[in-house]
C-alpha atoms as a PDB file:
ATOM      1  CA  MET A   1      -7.121 -39.800-116.676  1.00  0.00           C
ATOM      2  CA  SER A   2      -8.018 -41.941-113.726  1.00  0.00           C
ATOM      3  CA  HIS A   3      -6.123 -42.049-110.377  1.00  0.00           C
ATOM      4  CA  ILE A   4      -5.338 -45.770-110.994  1.00  0.00           C
ATOM      5  CA  ALA A   5      -3.611 -44.932-114.408  1.00  0.00           C
ATOM      6  CA  GLN A   6      -1.937 -41.988-112.824  1.00  0.00           C
ATOM      7  CA  GLN A   7      -0.331 -44.207-110.100  1.00  0.00           C
ATOM      8  CA  ARG A   8       0.925 -46.769-112.612  1.00  0.00           C
ATOM      9  CA  MET A   9       2.813 -44.024-114.361  1.00  0.00           C
ATOM     10  CA  LEU A  10       4.785 -42.951-111.150  1.00  0.00           C
ATOM     11  CA  PRO A  11       6.772 -45.668-109.617  1.00  0.00           C
ATOM     12  CA  ALA A  12       6.561 -46.276-105.913  1.00  0.00           C
ATOM     13  CA  GLY A  13      10.362 -46.099-105.692  1.00  0.00           C
ATOM     14  CA  PHE A  14      12.698 -43.508-107.305  1.00  0.00           C
ATOM     15  CA  LEU A  15      15.386 -40.994-106.943  1.00  0.00           C
ATOM     16  CA  MET A  16      15.567 -37.999-109.210  1.00  0.00           C
ATOM     17  CA  ALA A  17      16.840 -34.454-109.498  1.00  0.00           C
ATOM     18  CA  MET A  18      14.435 -31.611-109.816  1.00  0.00           C
ATOM     19  CA  ARG A  19      14.847 -27.712-110.529  1.00  0.00           C
ATOM     20  CA  GLY A  20      12.706 -25.895-108.144  1.00  0.00           C
ATOM     21  CA  SER A  21      11.618 -22.293-107.459  1.00  0.00           C
ATOM     22  CA  LEU A  22      11.618 -21.688-103.577  1.00  0.00           C
ATOM     23  CA  ALA A  23       9.730 -18.664-102.048  1.00  0.00           C
ATOM     24  CA  GLU A  24      10.116 -17.912 -98.438  1.00  0.00           C
ATOM     25  CA  ALA A  25       7.723 -15.858 -96.273  1.00  0.00           C
ATOM     26  CA  PRO A  26       7.270 -14.840 -92.653  1.00  0.00           C
ATOM     27  CA  TYR A  27       6.134 -17.713 -90.262  1.00  0.00           C
ATOM     28  CA  GLY A  28       3.107 -15.849 -89.416  1.00  0.00           C
ATOM     29  CA  ALA A  29       2.411 -14.397 -92.921  1.00  0.00           C
ATOM     30  CA  PRO A  30       2.686 -17.308 -95.451  1.00  0.00           C
ATOM     31  CA  HIS A  31       0.667 -15.151 -97.835  1.00  0.00           C
ATOM     32  CA  ARG A  32       3.529 -12.663 -98.204  1.00  0.00           C
ATOM     33  CA  PRO A  33       6.307 -14.563 -99.922  1.00  0.00           C
ATOM     34  CA  GLY A  34       9.556 -12.864-101.090  1.00  0.00           C
ATOM     35  CA  PRO A  35      10.895 -13.337-104.538  1.00  0.00           C
ATOM     36  CA  PRO A  36      11.264 -16.936-105.556  1.00  0.00           C
ATOM     37  CA  ARG A  37      14.854 -18.436-106.133  1.00  0.00           C
ATOM     38  CA  PRO A  38      16.034 -21.228-108.155  1.00  0.00           C
ATOM     39  CA  GLU A  39      17.184 -24.372-106.212  1.00  0.00           C
ATOM     40  CA  TRP A  40      18.204 -27.858-106.887  1.00  0.00           C
ATOM     41  CA  LEU A  41      16.386 -30.658-105.289  1.00  0.00           C
ATOM     42  CA  ILE A  42      16.891 -34.426-105.046  1.00  0.00           C
ATOM     43  CA  LEU A  43      13.633 -36.195-104.598  1.00  0.00           C
ATOM     44  CA  CYS A  44      13.505 -39.722-103.343  1.00  0.00           C
ATOM     45  CA  ARG A  45      10.471 -42.025-102.831  1.00  0.00           C
ATOM     46  CA  TRP A  46      10.513 -45.401-101.123  1.00  0.00           C
ATOM     47  CA  GLY A  47       8.864 -47.867 -98.782  1.00  0.00           C
ATOM     48  CA  GLU A  48       6.711 -50.956 -99.222  1.00  0.00           C
ATOM     49  CA  ALA A  49       4.206 -48.890-101.183  1.00  0.00           C
ATOM     50  CA  GLY A  50       6.144 -45.763-101.709  1.00  0.00           C
ATOM     51  CA  GLU A  51       4.891 -44.356 -98.592  1.00  0.00           C
ATOM     52  CA  PHE A  52       7.984 -42.103 -97.713  1.00  0.00           C
ATOM     53  CA  LEU A  53       9.121 -39.123 -99.631  1.00  0.00           C
ATOM     54  CA  THR A  54      12.219 -36.989 -98.864  1.00  0.00           C
ATOM     55  CA  ILE A  55      12.877 -33.523-100.521  1.00  0.00           C
ATOM     56  CA  GLY A  56      16.658 -32.859-100.308  1.00  0.00           C
ATOM     57  CA  ARG A  57      17.552 -29.225-100.856  1.00  0.00           C
ATOM     58  CA  ALA A  58      20.818 -29.218-102.666  1.00  0.00           C
ATOM     59  CA  GLY A  59      21.732 -25.834-103.285  1.00  0.00           C
ATOM     60  CA  PRO A  60      21.184 -22.755-105.648  1.00  0.00           C
ATOM     61  CA  ALA A  61      20.266 -23.638-109.291  1.00  0.00           C
ATOM     62  CA  GLU A  62      22.504 -21.276-111.261  1.00  0.00           C
ATOM     63  CA  GLY A  63      22.363 -20.956-115.047  1.00  0.00           C
ATOM     64  CA  PRO A  64      19.626 -21.283-117.632  1.00  0.00           C
ATOM     65  CA  GLU A  65      16.405 -23.184-116.893  1.00  0.00           C
ATOM     66  CA  ASP A  66      17.556 -26.286-119.161  1.00  0.00           C
ATOM     67  CA  ALA A  67      20.926 -26.624-117.422  1.00  0.00           C
ATOM     68  CA  PRO A  68      21.713 -30.021-116.075  1.00  0.00           C
ATOM     69  CA  PRO A  69      22.184 -30.623-112.473  1.00  0.00           C
ATOM     70  CA  PRO A  70      25.869 -30.021-111.334  1.00  0.00           C
ATOM     71  CA  LEU A  71      28.172 -32.973-110.669  1.00  0.00           C
ATOM     72  CA  GLY A  72      28.239 -34.023-107.104  1.00  0.00           C
ATOM     73  CA  LEU A  73      24.748 -32.902-106.119  1.00  0.00           C
ATOM     74  CA  ARG A  74      23.756 -33.806-102.799  1.00  0.00           C
ATOM     75  CA  PRO A  75      21.220 -32.890-100.045  1.00  0.00           C
ATOM     76  CA  HIS A  76      22.199 -30.421 -97.344  1.00  0.00           C
ATOM     77  CA  ALA A  77      18.736 -30.057 -95.909  1.00  0.00           C
ATOM     78  CA  THR A  78      16.004 -32.685 -96.049  1.00  0.00           C
ATOM     79  CA  LEU A  79      12.338 -32.535 -95.464  1.00  0.00           C
ATOM     80  CA  LEU A  80      10.351 -36.060 -94.984  1.00  0.00           C
ATOM     81  CA  GLY A  81       6.817 -36.621 -96.174  1.00  0.00           C
ATOM     82  CA  LEU A  82       4.516 -39.474 -95.273  1.00  0.00           C
ATOM     83  CA  GLY A  83       1.956 -40.748 -97.887  1.00  0.00           C
ATOM     84  CA  LEU A  84      -1.628 -39.671 -97.687  1.00  0.00           C
ATOM     85  CA  ALA A  85      -4.533 -41.741 -98.784  1.00  0.00           C
ATOM     86  CA  ALA A  86      -5.339 -41.147-102.490  1.00  0.00           C
ATOM     87  CA  MET A  87      -7.162 -37.727-103.182  1.00  0.00           C
ATOM     88  CA  GLY A  88      -7.825 -37.391-106.754  1.00  0.00           C
ATOM     89  CA  GLU A  89      -4.983 -37.011-109.413  1.00  0.00           C
ATOM     90  CA  GLY A  90      -1.399 -37.311-108.324  1.00  0.00           C
ATOM     91  CA  ASP A  91       0.012 -38.326-104.959  1.00  0.00           C
ATOM     92  CA  SER A  92       0.015 -36.385-101.666  1.00  0.00           C
ATOM     93  CA  PHE A  93       2.424 -36.469 -98.734  1.00  0.00           C
ATOM     94  CA  LEU A  94       2.300 -34.879 -95.363  1.00  0.00           C
ATOM     95  CA  LEU A  95       5.576 -33.253 -94.120  1.00  0.00           C
ATOM     96  CA  VAL A  96       6.546 -34.234 -90.636  1.00  0.00           C
ATOM     97  CA  ARG A  97       8.185 -32.479 -87.698  1.00  0.00           C
ATOM     98  CA  TYR A  98       9.752 -35.468 -86.337  1.00  0.00           C
ATOM     99  CA  LEU A  99      11.641 -38.410 -87.965  1.00  0.00           C
ATOM    100  CA  PRO A 100       9.914 -41.826 -87.353  1.00  0.00           C
ATOM    101  CA  PRO A 101      12.169 -44.022 -84.890  1.00  0.00           C
ATOM    102  CA  GLY A 102      15.203 -45.566 -86.573  1.00  0.00           C
ATOM    103  CA  LEU A 103      14.826 -43.591 -89.834  1.00  0.00           C
ATOM    104  CA  THR A 104      17.573 -41.425 -90.980  1.00  0.00           C
ATOM    105  CA  VAL A 105      17.702 -39.135 -94.009  1.00  0.00           C
ATOM    106  CA  ALA A 106      20.509 -37.587 -96.085  1.00  0.00           C
ATOM    107  CA  GLY A 107      21.714 -34.170 -95.185  1.00  0.00           C
ATOM    108  CA  THR A 108      20.250 -32.276 -91.957  1.00  0.00           C
ATOM    109  CA  PHE A 109      16.660 -33.112 -91.253  1.00  0.00           C
ATOM    110  CA  HIS A 110      14.399 -30.052 -91.317  1.00  0.00           C
ATOM    111  CA  PRO A 111      11.202 -30.490 -89.168  1.00  0.00           C
ATOM    112  CA  SER A 112       8.224 -29.086 -91.064  1.00  0.00           C
ATOM    113  CA  ASP A 113       4.619 -28.934 -91.294  1.00  0.00           C
ATOM    114  CA  GLY A 114       3.196 -28.850 -94.941  1.00  0.00           C
ATOM    115  CA  ILE A 115       2.007 -30.827 -97.768  1.00  0.00           C
ATOM    116  CA  VAL A 116       3.549 -32.191-101.039  1.00  0.00           C
ATOM    117  CA  ARG A 117       1.714 -32.999-104.294  1.00  0.00           C
ATOM    118  CA  LEU A 118       3.376 -34.879-107.110  1.00  0.00           C
ATOM    119  CA  SER A 119       1.726 -35.017-110.554  1.00  0.00           C
ATOM    120  CA  GLY A 120       2.476 -36.442-113.926  1.00  0.00           C
ATOM    121  CA  PRO A 121       4.422 -39.566-114.993  1.00  0.00           C
ATOM    122  CA  ALA A 122       7.949 -39.881-113.992  1.00  0.00           C
ATOM    123  CA  SER A 123       9.351 -38.293-117.212  1.00  0.00           C
ATOM    124  CA  VAL A 124       7.698 -35.019-116.532  1.00  0.00           C
ATOM    125  CA  LEU A 125       7.166 -35.142-112.732  1.00  0.00           C
ATOM    126  CA  ARG A 126       5.957 -31.909-111.161  1.00  0.00           C
ATOM    127  CA  LEU A 127       6.156 -31.123-107.538  1.00  0.00           C
ATOM    128  CA  GLU A 128       4.040 -28.578-105.595  1.00  0.00           C
ATOM    129  CA  ALA A 129       4.712 -28.124-101.829  1.00  0.00           C
ATOM    130  CA  ALA A 130       3.834 -25.584 -99.144  1.00  0.00           C
ATOM    131  CA  GLY A 131       4.757 -25.432 -95.521  1.00  0.00           C
ATOM    132  CA  ARG A 132       6.432 -23.855 -92.556  1.00  0.00           C
ATOM    133  CA  TYR A 133       9.226 -24.859 -90.208  1.00  0.00           C
ATOM    134  CA  ALA A 134      10.580 -23.610 -87.036  1.00  0.00           C
ATOM    135  CA  HIS A 135      13.692 -25.206 -85.456  1.00  0.00           C
ATOM    136  CA  ARG A 136      16.812 -24.405 -83.512  1.00  0.00           C
ATOM    137  CA  ARG A 137      20.172 -25.752 -84.276  1.00  0.00           C
ATOM    138  CA  ALA A 138      21.965 -28.298 -81.973  1.00  0.00           C
ATOM    139  CA  ILE A 139      24.875 -30.452 -82.116  1.00  0.00           C
ATOM    140  CA  GLY A 140      24.272 -34.324 -81.451  1.00  0.00           C
ATOM    141  CA  GLU A 141      26.466 -37.381 -81.958  1.00  0.00           C
ATOM    142  CA  ALA A 142      25.801 -37.469 -85.642  1.00  0.00           C
ATOM    143  CA  GLY A 143      26.542 -33.805 -86.149  1.00  0.00           C
ATOM    144  CA  GLU A 144      24.343 -30.922 -86.664  1.00  0.00           C
ATOM    145  CA  GLN A 145      20.606 -31.387 -85.788  1.00  0.00           C
ATOM    146  CA  ARG A 146      17.515 -29.318 -86.052  1.00  0.00           C
ATOM    147  CA  LEU A 147      15.148 -29.363 -83.159  1.00  0.00           C
ATOM    148  CA  ASP A 148      11.313 -28.580 -83.714  1.00  0.00           C
ATOM    149  CA  LEU A 149      10.032 -25.517 -82.060  1.00  0.00           C
ATOM    150  CA  PRO A 150       6.267 -26.157 -81.604  1.00  0.00           C
ATOM    151  CA  ASP A 151       5.166 -22.376 -81.348  1.00  0.00           C
ATOM    152  CA  PRO A 152       7.997 -20.149 -82.363  1.00  0.00           C
ATOM    153  CA  ALA A 153       8.335 -16.668 -81.104  1.00  0.00           C
ATOM    154  CA  GLU A 154       7.860 -13.937 -83.590  1.00  0.00           C
ATOM    155  CA  GLY A 155      11.054 -13.040 -85.465  1.00  0.00           C
ATOM    156  CA  VAL A 156      12.897 -16.336 -84.827  1.00  0.00           C
ATOM    157  CA  ALA A 157      15.594 -16.596 -87.704  1.00  0.00           C
ATOM    158  CA  ASP A 158      14.746 -20.189 -88.340  1.00  0.00           C
ATOM    159  CA  ALA A 159      11.006 -19.745 -88.459  1.00  0.00           C
ATOM    160  CA  LEU A 160       9.727 -19.580 -92.111  1.00  0.00           C
ATOM    161  CA  ALA A 161       6.709 -20.329 -94.351  1.00  0.00           C
ATOM    162  CA  TRP A 162       7.640 -21.295 -97.844  1.00  0.00           C
ATOM    163  CA  ARG A 163       6.378 -22.594-101.168  1.00  0.00           C
ATOM    164  CA  LEU A 164       8.179 -24.775-103.526  1.00  0.00           C
ATOM    165  CA  ASP A 165       7.434 -25.700-107.229  1.00  0.00           C
ATOM    166  CA  ALA A 166       9.737 -27.945-109.144  1.00  0.00           C
ATOM    167  CA  ARG A 167      10.064 -30.001-112.122  1.00  0.00           C
ATOM    168  CA  ARG A 168      12.186 -33.207-113.065  1.00  0.00           C
ATOM    169  CA  VAL A 169      15.225 -32.709-114.973  1.00  0.00           C
ATOM    170  CA  PRO A 170      17.556 -35.596-116.345  1.00  0.00           C
ATOM    171  CA  TRP A 171      20.352 -36.665-114.000  1.00  0.00           C
ATOM    172  CA  LEU A 172      23.103 -39.316-114.019  1.00  0.00           C
ATOM    173  CA  GLY A 173      22.147 -40.269-110.479  1.00  0.00           C
ATOM    174  CA  GLU A 174      18.537 -41.025-111.324  1.00  0.00           C
ATOM    175  CA  PHE A 175      16.906 -44.143-110.290  1.00  0.00           C
ATOM    176  CA  LEU A 176      13.172 -45.437-111.025  1.00  0.00           C
ATOM    177  CA  ALA A 177      12.034 -48.715-109.593  1.00  0.00           C
ATOM    178  CA  SER A 178      10.423 -51.152-111.974  1.00  0.00           C
ATOM    179  CA  GLY A 179       6.972 -52.441-110.799  1.00  0.00           C
ATOM    180  CA  GLY A 180       6.354 -51.966-107.238  1.00  0.00           C
ATOM    181  CA  GLY A 181       9.762 -52.189-105.875  1.00  0.00           C
ATOM    182  CA  ALA A 182      11.231 -49.785-103.386  1.00  0.00           C
ATOM    183  CA  ALA A 183      14.178 -47.476-103.742  1.00  0.00           C
ATOM    184  CA  HIS A 184      16.418 -46.330-100.873  1.00  0.00           C
END
Protein backbone atom coordinates (compact mmCIF):
# COMPACT_ATOMS: atom_id res chain seq x y z
CA MET A 1 0.00 0.00 0.00
CA SER A 2 1.41 3.42 -0.91
CA HIS A 3 2.05 6.14 1.65
CA ILE A 4 -0.52 8.36 -0.09
CA ALA A 5 -3.21 5.67 0.27
CA GLN A 6 -2.24 5.24 3.95
CA GLN A 7 -2.58 8.99 4.51
CA ARG A 8 -6.11 8.99 3.09
CA MET A 9 -7.20 6.32 5.57
CA LEU A 10 -6.05 8.26 8.65
CA PRO A 11 -7.71 11.68 9.06
CA ALA A 12 -5.60 14.74 9.84
CA GLY A 13 -7.87 15.44 12.82
CA PHE A 14 -9.17 13.01 15.43
CA LEU A 15 -9.71 12.28 19.10
CA MET A 16 -9.76 8.63 20.22
CA ALA A 17 -9.11 6.31 23.12
CA MET A 18 -6.40 3.68 23.02
CA ARG A 19 -5.45 0.80 25.27
CA GLY A 20 -1.71 0.73 25.66
CA SER A 21 1.11 -1.23 27.17
CA LEU A 22 3.68 0.97 28.92
CA ALA A 23 7.13 -0.29 29.94
CA GLU A 24 9.50 1.99 31.84
CA ALA A 25 13.28 1.71 32.11
CA PRO A 26 16.13 3.62 33.75
CA TYR A 27 16.89 6.90 31.94
CA GLY A 28 20.44 5.76 31.11
CA ALA A 29 19.47 2.17 30.21
CA PRO A 30 16.40 2.19 27.93
CA HIS A 31 17.31 -1.37 26.86
CA ARG A 32 16.36 -2.67 30.36
CA PRO A 33 12.59 -2.12 30.59
CA GLY A 34 10.52 -3.26 33.50
CA PRO A 35 7.33 -5.27 33.05
CA PRO A 36 4.74 -3.56 30.83
CA ARG A 37 1.53 -2.32 32.43
CA PRO A 38 -1.78 -1.63 30.70
CA GLU A 39 -2.76 2.02 30.43
CA TRP A 40 -5.58 4.08 28.91
CA LEU A 41 -4.57 6.80 26.48
CA ILE A 42 -6.38 9.63 24.76
CA LEU A 43 -4.86 10.40 21.38
CA CYS A 44 -5.62 13.71 19.65
CA ARG A 45 -4.34 14.91 16.28
CA TRP A 46 -5.01 18.41 15.01
CA GLY A 47 -3.59 21.37 13.09
CA GLU A 48 -3.81 22.68 9.52
CA ALA A 49 -2.28 19.44 8.19
CA GLY A 50 -2.57 17.26 11.30
CA GLU A 51 0.90 18.32 12.42
CA PHE A 52 0.22 18.14 16.19
CA LEU A 53 -0.34 14.96 18.20
CA THR A 54 -1.03 14.68 21.92
CA ILE A 55 -0.85 11.45 23.86
CA GLY A 56 -2.74 11.85 27.12
CA ARG A 57 -2.05 9.20 29.75
CA ALA A 58 -5.41 8.60 31.42
CA GLY A 59 -4.73 5.92 34.03
CA PRO A 60 -4.40 2.16 34.43
CA ALA A 61 -6.40 -0.04 32.04
CA GLU A 62 -7.97 -2.65 34.27
CA GLY A 63 -10.03 -5.62 33.23
CA PRO A 64 -9.92 -7.77 30.11
CA GLU A 65 -8.23 -6.66 26.87
CA ASP A 66 -11.59 -6.00 25.20
CA ALA A 67 -12.99 -3.89 28.08
CA PRO A 68 -14.30 -0.49 26.96
CA PRO A 69 -12.67 2.71 28.25
CA PRO A 70 -14.14 3.87 31.56
CA LEU A 71 -16.62 6.73 31.71
CA GLY A 72 -14.98 10.06 32.48
CA LEU A 73 -11.70 9.16 30.77
CA ARG A 74 -9.41 12.21 30.82
CA PRO A 75 -5.66 12.81 30.58
CA HIS A 76 -3.55 13.47 33.65
CA ALA A 77 -0.15 13.60 31.88
CA THR A 78 0.27 14.64 28.24
CA LEU A 79 3.05 14.29 25.68
CA LEU A 80 3.18 16.49 22.56
CA GLY A 81 4.47 15.38 19.17
CA LEU A 82 5.19 17.44 16.06
CA GLY A 83 4.70 15.81 12.67
CA LEU A 84 7.73 14.68 10.70
CA ALA A 85 8.04 14.56 6.93
CA ALA A 86 6.68 11.32 5.43
CA MET A 87 8.99 8.33 5.94
CA GLY A 88 7.37 5.26 4.38
CA GLU A 89 4.16 3.77 5.74
CA GLY A 90 2.31 5.49 8.57
CA ASP A 91 2.80 8.90 10.16
CA SER A 92 5.65 9.84 12.52
CA PHE A 93 5.91 12.53 15.19
CA LEU A 94 8.83 13.88 17.20
CA LEU A 95 8.10 14.35 20.91
CA VAL A 96 9.07 17.74 22.32
CA ARG A 97 10.56 19.07 25.54
CA TYR A 98 8.83 22.45 25.41
CA LEU A 99 5.33 23.52 24.43
CA PRO A 100 5.30 25.95 21.49
CA PRO A 101 4.35 29.50 22.57
CA GLY A 102 0.61 29.89 23.10
CA LEU A 103 -0.12 26.14 23.00
CA THR A 104 -1.71 24.36 25.95
CA VAL A 105 -2.55 20.69 26.45
CA ALA A 106 -5.01 18.83 28.65
CA GLY A 107 -3.52 17.43 31.84
CA THR A 108 0.05 18.14 32.94
CA PHE A 109 2.53 18.52 30.06
CA HIS A 110 5.41 16.03 30.24
CA PRO A 111 8.54 17.23 28.41
CA SER A 112 9.93 14.28 26.42
CA ASP A 113 12.45 13.25 23.81
CA GLY A 114 11.23 10.47 21.56
CA ILE A 115 9.36 9.36 18.49
CA VAL A 116 5.79 8.21 17.79
CA ARG A 117 4.61 6.18 14.83
CA LEU A 118 0.95 5.75 13.86
CA SER A 119 -0.04 3.03 11.41
CA GLY A 120 -3.21 1.63 9.91
CA PRO A 121 -6.57 3.19 9.16
CA ALA A 122 -8.42 4.94 12.01
CA SER A 123 -10.62 1.90 12.70
CA VAL A 124 -7.61 -0.22 13.71
CA LEU A 125 -5.03 2.48 14.47
CA ARG A 126 -1.81 1.32 16.13
CA LEU A 127 0.65 3.49 18.02
CA GLU A 128 4.29 2.71 18.74
CA ALA A 129 6.32 5.21 20.74
CA ALA A 130 9.58 5.31 22.66
CA GLY A 131 11.34 8.06 24.50
CA ARG A 132 12.78 9.49 27.67
CA TYR A 133 11.76 12.28 29.96
CA ALA A 134 13.37 14.10 32.81
CA HIS A 135 11.56 16.79 34.68
CA ARG A 136 11.04 18.34 38.05
CA ARG A 137 7.72 19.36 39.52
CA ALA A 138 6.79 23.01 40.03
CA ILE A 139 3.68 25.01 40.78
CA GLY A 140 2.78 27.84 38.40
CA GLU A 141 -0.19 30.13 37.83
CA ALA A 142 -2.09 27.33 36.06
CA GLY A 143 -1.29 24.70 38.70
CA GLU A 144 1.24 21.87 38.56
CA GLN A 145 3.91 22.10 35.86
CA ARG A 146 6.77 19.88 34.81
CA LEU A 147 10.03 21.63 33.95
CA ASP A 148 12.54 19.96 31.65
CA LEU A 149 15.90 18.83 33.05
CA PRO A 150 18.31 18.75 30.10
CA ASP A 151 20.86 16.36 31.62
CA PRO A 152 19.44 14.60 34.68
CA ALA A 153 21.61 13.28 37.43
CA GLU A 154 21.61 9.49 37.80
CA GLY A 155 18.77 8.28 40.01
CA VAL A 156 16.49 11.32 39.57
CA ALA A 157 12.99 9.98 40.34
CA ASP A 158 11.30 11.76 37.43
CA ALA A 159 13.88 10.67 34.83
CA LEU A 160 12.77 7.60 32.88
CA ALA A 161 13.00 5.89 29.53
CA TRP A 162 9.78 4.29 28.27
CA ARG A 163 8.18 2.33 25.46
CA LEU A 164 4.49 2.44 24.59
CA ASP A 165 2.47 0.24 22.24
CA ALA A 166 -1.26 0.89 21.87
CA ARG A 167 -4.33 0.16 19.77
CA ARG A 168 -7.54 2.09 19.21
CA VAL A 169 -10.64 1.01 21.12
CA PRO A 170 -14.19 2.24 20.47
CA TRP A 171 -15.08 5.18 22.73
CA LEU A 172 -18.13 7.41 23.18
CA GLY A 173 -15.90 10.52 23.13
CA GLU A 174 -14.29 9.67 19.79
CA PHE A 175 -14.14 12.21 16.95
CA LEU A 176 -12.82 11.70 13.41
CA ALA A 177 -12.60 14.74 11.15
CA SER A 178 -13.97 14.29 7.67
CA GLY A 179 -11.66 15.33 4.85
CA GLY A 180 -8.66 17.45 5.82
CA GLY A 181 -10.38 19.29 8.67
CA ALA A 182 -8.82 19.88 12.03
CA ALA A 183 -9.90 18.50 15.40
CA HIS A 184 -9.17 20.26 18.63
